N, C-alpha and C. Protein backbone atom coordinates (compact mmCIF):
# COMPACT_ATOMS: atom_id res chain seq x y z
N UNK A 1 -15.18 106.28 -37.40
CA UNK A 1 -13.85 106.39 -36.87
C UNK A 1 -13.87 107.24 -35.61
N UNK A 2 -13.08 106.83 -34.68
CA UNK A 2 -13.17 107.44 -33.38
C UNK A 2 -12.38 108.74 -33.23
N UNK A 3 -11.11 108.72 -33.54
CA UNK A 3 -10.28 109.87 -33.22
C UNK A 3 -9.84 110.63 -34.47
N UNK A 4 -9.44 111.88 -34.25
CA UNK A 4 -8.93 112.69 -35.35
C UNK A 4 -7.69 112.04 -35.96
N UNK A 5 -6.87 111.42 -35.13
CA UNK A 5 -5.65 110.75 -35.63
C UNK A 5 -6.01 109.58 -36.55
N UNK A 6 -7.00 108.80 -36.18
CA UNK A 6 -7.44 107.69 -37.03
C UNK A 6 -8.00 108.22 -38.34
N UNK A 7 -8.80 109.28 -38.27
CA UNK A 7 -9.36 109.85 -39.50
C UNK A 7 -8.25 110.42 -40.38
N UNK A 8 -7.26 111.09 -39.76
CA UNK A 8 -6.15 111.66 -40.51
C UNK A 8 -5.36 110.57 -41.23
N UNK A 9 -5.07 109.48 -40.53
CA UNK A 9 -4.32 108.38 -41.14
C UNK A 9 -5.09 107.76 -42.31
N UNK A 10 -6.40 107.60 -42.13
CA UNK A 10 -7.21 107.02 -43.20
C UNK A 10 -7.23 107.93 -44.44
N UNK A 11 -7.37 109.23 -44.21
CA UNK A 11 -7.39 110.18 -45.32
C UNK A 11 -6.03 110.22 -46.01
N UNK A 12 -4.96 110.26 -45.24
CA UNK A 12 -3.62 110.28 -45.85
C UNK A 12 -3.37 109.04 -46.69
N UNK A 13 -3.81 107.89 -46.22
CA UNK A 13 -3.67 106.65 -46.98
C UNK A 13 -4.43 106.76 -48.31
N UNK A 14 -5.67 107.23 -48.23
CA UNK A 14 -6.49 107.36 -49.44
C UNK A 14 -5.88 108.36 -50.41
N UNK A 15 -5.32 109.45 -49.90
CA UNK A 15 -4.69 110.44 -50.77
C UNK A 15 -3.47 109.86 -51.47
N UNK A 16 -2.69 109.05 -50.76
CA UNK A 16 -1.52 108.41 -51.38
C UNK A 16 -1.95 107.48 -52.50
N UNK A 17 -3.00 106.72 -52.28
CA UNK A 17 -3.50 105.79 -53.30
C UNK A 17 -3.99 106.55 -54.53
N UNK A 18 -4.65 107.68 -54.30
CA UNK A 18 -5.28 108.43 -55.40
C UNK A 18 -4.32 109.39 -56.11
N UNK A 19 -3.13 109.61 -55.55
CA UNK A 19 -2.19 110.58 -56.09
C UNK A 19 -1.93 110.33 -57.57
N UNK A 20 -2.02 111.39 -58.34
CA UNK A 20 -1.75 111.41 -59.78
C UNK A 20 -2.64 110.45 -60.55
N UNK A 21 -3.87 110.29 -60.08
CA UNK A 21 -4.88 109.54 -60.81
C UNK A 21 -6.09 110.44 -60.97
N UNK A 22 -7.08 109.96 -61.68
CA UNK A 22 -8.33 110.72 -61.83
C UNK A 22 -9.05 110.88 -60.50
N UNK A 23 -8.67 110.09 -59.51
CA UNK A 23 -9.32 110.16 -58.19
C UNK A 23 -8.68 111.18 -57.26
N UNK A 24 -7.58 111.79 -57.67
CA UNK A 24 -6.90 112.78 -56.84
C UNK A 24 -7.87 113.93 -56.56
N UNK A 25 -8.15 114.22 -55.29
CA UNK A 25 -9.18 115.22 -54.95
C UNK A 25 -8.77 116.66 -55.32
N UNK A 26 -9.79 117.44 -55.69
CA UNK A 26 -9.56 118.85 -55.98
C UNK A 26 -9.59 119.65 -54.67
N UNK A 27 -9.47 120.98 -54.77
CA UNK A 27 -9.42 121.82 -53.56
C UNK A 27 -10.66 121.66 -52.69
N UNK A 28 -11.83 121.70 -53.31
CA UNK A 28 -13.07 121.58 -52.53
C UNK A 28 -13.12 120.24 -51.81
N UNK A 29 -12.75 119.16 -52.50
CA UNK A 29 -12.77 117.84 -51.88
C UNK A 29 -11.77 117.76 -50.73
N UNK A 30 -10.61 118.38 -50.91
CA UNK A 30 -9.60 118.40 -49.84
C UNK A 30 -10.10 119.18 -48.62
N UNK A 31 -10.83 120.27 -48.86
CA UNK A 31 -11.40 121.04 -47.75
C UNK A 31 -12.39 120.19 -46.96
N UNK A 32 -13.23 119.45 -47.68
CA UNK A 32 -14.19 118.58 -47.02
C UNK A 32 -13.48 117.48 -46.23
N UNK A 33 -12.42 116.92 -46.80
CA UNK A 33 -11.66 115.90 -46.08
C UNK A 33 -11.01 116.48 -44.82
N UNK A 34 -10.54 117.70 -44.91
CA UNK A 34 -9.96 118.35 -43.73
C UNK A 34 -11.01 118.50 -42.63
N UNK A 35 -12.23 118.85 -43.01
CA UNK A 35 -13.30 118.98 -42.03
C UNK A 35 -13.67 117.62 -41.44
N UNK A 36 -13.58 116.57 -42.26
CA UNK A 36 -13.82 115.22 -41.77
C UNK A 36 -12.76 114.85 -40.73
N UNK A 37 -11.50 115.14 -41.03
CA UNK A 37 -10.41 114.84 -40.09
C UNK A 37 -10.65 115.53 -38.75
N UNK A 38 -11.11 116.77 -38.79
CA UNK A 38 -11.36 117.52 -37.56
C UNK A 38 -12.60 117.06 -36.82
N UNK A 39 -13.38 116.19 -37.44
CA UNK A 39 -14.60 115.71 -36.81
C UNK A 39 -15.79 116.62 -37.02
N UNK A 40 -15.65 117.59 -37.93
CA UNK A 40 -16.74 118.53 -38.20
C UNK A 40 -17.78 117.92 -39.13
N UNK A 41 -17.37 116.94 -39.93
CA UNK A 41 -18.27 116.25 -40.86
C UNK A 41 -18.07 114.75 -40.74
N UNK A 42 -19.13 114.00 -40.97
CA UNK A 42 -19.01 112.55 -41.09
C UNK A 42 -18.73 112.22 -42.55
N UNK A 43 -18.35 110.98 -42.83
CA UNK A 43 -18.15 110.58 -44.23
C UNK A 43 -19.44 110.74 -45.03
N UNK A 44 -20.56 110.40 -44.42
CA UNK A 44 -21.84 110.56 -45.11
C UNK A 44 -22.10 112.03 -45.47
N UNK A 45 -21.76 112.93 -44.57
CA UNK A 45 -21.94 114.36 -44.84
C UNK A 45 -21.00 114.84 -45.94
N UNK A 46 -19.77 114.32 -45.94
CA UNK A 46 -18.83 114.66 -47.02
C UNK A 46 -19.41 114.21 -48.36
N UNK A 47 -19.87 112.97 -48.42
CA UNK A 47 -20.44 112.45 -49.67
C UNK A 47 -21.66 113.24 -50.10
N UNK A 48 -22.51 113.58 -49.16
CA UNK A 48 -23.71 114.35 -49.47
C UNK A 48 -23.34 115.71 -50.06
N UNK A 49 -22.38 116.38 -49.49
CA UNK A 49 -21.95 117.70 -50.00
C UNK A 49 -21.31 117.58 -51.37
N UNK A 50 -20.58 116.50 -51.60
CA UNK A 50 -19.99 116.30 -52.92
C UNK A 50 -21.09 116.06 -53.97
N UNK A 51 -22.09 115.30 -53.63
CA UNK A 51 -23.19 115.04 -54.54
C UNK A 51 -23.96 116.32 -54.85
N UNK A 52 -24.14 117.17 -53.85
CA UNK A 52 -24.87 118.41 -54.04
C UNK A 52 -24.11 119.37 -54.94
N UNK A 53 -22.79 119.32 -54.91
CA UNK A 53 -21.98 120.28 -55.69
C UNK A 53 -21.80 119.84 -57.12
N UNK A 54 -22.11 118.60 -57.45
CA UNK A 54 -21.91 118.14 -58.83
C UNK A 54 -23.12 118.34 -59.70
């Protein structure tokens, strides 16, 4: 994804879909998503960090 706005829209959409389900992200996952929106992490890096923490 190219811009922070595109990443933000994609994350917000995913959060709406996951709301009040088992997929609703916890605090750590939300922090990683915030870093993805800012362009500090790629999706692959987010997934890698999630795998390392489990």
